[in-house]
Amino acid sequence: MRPRNLAAGFMLAGMCGGAVAYLYLWEDPATGATRICSHPRPWYGNPELQRRSPKLERMR
């Protein structure tokens, strides 16, 4: 690869912002196992469903 192309690639990579990802942890009541998922569970953010569902922890 040419040095000029390599330098341009590094410049583009440096200009991209950092990505933010969340992991969601909860204990599965059926098995007792801790589950990890990359997208929120259906009850996350819904106060009515959260009262009846396992506690969900969001980690960055």
C-alpha atoms as a PDB file:
ATOM      1  CA  MET A   1       0.000   0.000   0.000  1.00  0.00           C
ATOM      2  CA  ARG A   2       1.313   3.436  -0.830  1.00  0.00           C
ATOM      3  CA  PRO A   3       2.313   5.654   2.101  1.00  0.00           C
ATOM      4  CA  ARG A   4      -0.021   8.415   0.897  1.00  0.00           C
ATOM      5  CA  ASN A   5      -3.023   6.052   0.902  1.00  0.00           C
ATOM      6  CA  LEU A   6      -2.034   4.717   4.284  1.00  0.00           C
ATOM      7  CA  ALA A   7      -1.794   8.236   5.729  1.00  0.00           C
ATOM      8  CA  ALA A   8      -5.195   9.127   4.275  1.00  0.00           C
ATOM      9  CA  GLY A   9      -6.696   6.008   5.835  1.00  0.00           C
ATOM     10  CA  PHE A  10      -5.328   6.908   9.259  1.00  0.00           C
ATOM     11  CA  MET A  11      -6.654  10.460   8.929  1.00  0.00           C
ATOM     12  CA  LEU A  12     -10.140   9.177   8.079  1.00  0.00           C
ATOM     13  CA  ALA A  13     -10.056   6.720  10.964  1.00  0.00           C
ATOM     14  CA  GLY A  14      -9.015   9.484  13.353  1.00  0.00           C
ATOM     15  CA  MET A  15     -11.843  11.759  12.221  1.00  0.00           C
ATOM     16  CA  CYS A  16     -14.516   9.165  13.005  1.00  0.00           C
ATOM     17  CA  GLY A  17     -16.067   9.625  16.412  1.00  0.00           C
ATOM     18  CA  GLY A  18     -15.987   6.923  19.011  1.00  0.00           C
ATOM     19  CA  ALA A  19     -18.924   4.569  19.014  1.00  0.00           C
ATOM     20  CA  VAL A  20     -20.983   4.099  22.139  1.00  0.00           C
ATOM     21  CA  ALA A  21     -22.464   0.707  22.872  1.00  0.00           C
ATOM     22  CA  TYR A  22     -24.532  -0.473  25.800  1.00  0.00           C
ATOM     23  CA  LEU A  23     -24.881  -3.932  27.244  1.00  0.00           C
ATOM     24  CA  TYR A  24     -27.987  -4.946  29.153  1.00  0.00           C
ATOM     25  CA  LEU A  25     -27.755  -7.380  32.081  1.00  0.00           C
ATOM     26  CA  TRP A  26     -30.610  -9.122  33.833  1.00  0.00           C
ATOM     27  CA  GLU A  27     -31.257 -12.337  35.700  1.00  0.00           C
ATOM     28  CA  ASP A  28     -33.534 -14.758  33.883  1.00  0.00           C
ATOM     29  CA  PRO A  29     -36.204 -15.773  36.411  1.00  0.00           C
ATOM     30  CA  ALA A  30     -36.845 -19.122  34.687  1.00  0.00           C
ATOM     31  CA  THR A  31     -33.245 -20.351  34.900  1.00  0.00           C
ATOM     32  CA  GLY A  32     -31.620 -18.020  37.437  1.00  0.00           C
ATOM     33  CA  ALA A  33     -28.812 -17.334  34.953  1.00  0.00           C
ATOM     34  CA  THR A  34     -27.474 -13.851  34.296  1.00  0.00           C
ATOM     35  CA  ARG A  35     -28.162 -12.817  30.717  1.00  0.00           C
ATOM     36  CA  ILE A  36     -26.276 -10.245  28.644  1.00  0.00           C
ATOM     37  CA  CYS A  37     -27.706  -8.683  25.499  1.00  0.00           C
ATOM     38  CA  SER A  38     -26.750  -5.821  23.184  1.00  0.00           C
ATOM     39  CA  HIS A  39     -30.306  -4.499  22.837  1.00  0.00           C
ATOM     40  CA  PRO A  40     -32.788  -3.612  25.600  1.00  0.00           C
ATOM     41  CA  ARG A  41     -35.486  -6.000  26.690  1.00  0.00           C
ATOM     42  CA  PRO A  42     -39.105  -5.146  25.795  1.00  0.00           C
ATOM     43  CA  TRP A  43     -39.860  -3.994  29.354  1.00  0.00           C
ATOM     44  CA  TYR A  44     -36.991  -1.472  29.465  1.00  0.00           C
ATOM     45  CA  GLY A  45     -38.350   2.074  29.665  1.00  0.00           C
ATOM     46  CA  ASN A  46     -41.944   0.951  30.264  1.00  0.00           C
ATOM     47  CA  PRO A  47     -42.799   1.620  33.946  1.00  0.00           C
ATOM     48  CA  GLU A  48     -45.801  -0.725  33.961  1.00  0.00           C
ATOM     49  CA  LEU A  49     -43.833  -3.670  32.581  1.00  0.00           C
ATOM     50  CA  GLN A  50     -40.745  -2.922  34.700  1.00  0.00           C
ATOM     51  CA  ARG A  51     -42.692  -3.503  37.932  1.00  0.00           C
ATOM     52  CA  ARG A  52     -43.391  -7.120  36.917  1.00  0.00           C
ATOM     53  CA  SER A  53     -40.088  -7.864  35.160  1.00  0.00           C
ATOM     54  CA  PRO A  54     -36.542  -8.625  36.338  1.00  0.00           C
ATOM     55  CA  LYS A  55     -34.280  -5.688  37.125  1.00  0.00           C
ATOM     56  CA  LEU A  56     -32.347  -4.645  34.036  1.00  0.00           C
ATOM     57  CA  GLU A  57     -28.916  -3.044  34.359  1.00  0.00           C
ATOM     58  CA  ARG A  58     -27.510  -0.971  31.494  1.00  0.00           C
ATOM     59  CA  MET A  59     -23.724  -0.898  31.195  1.00  0.00           C
ATOM     60  CA  ARG A  60     -21.671   1.267  28.888  1.00  0.00           C
END
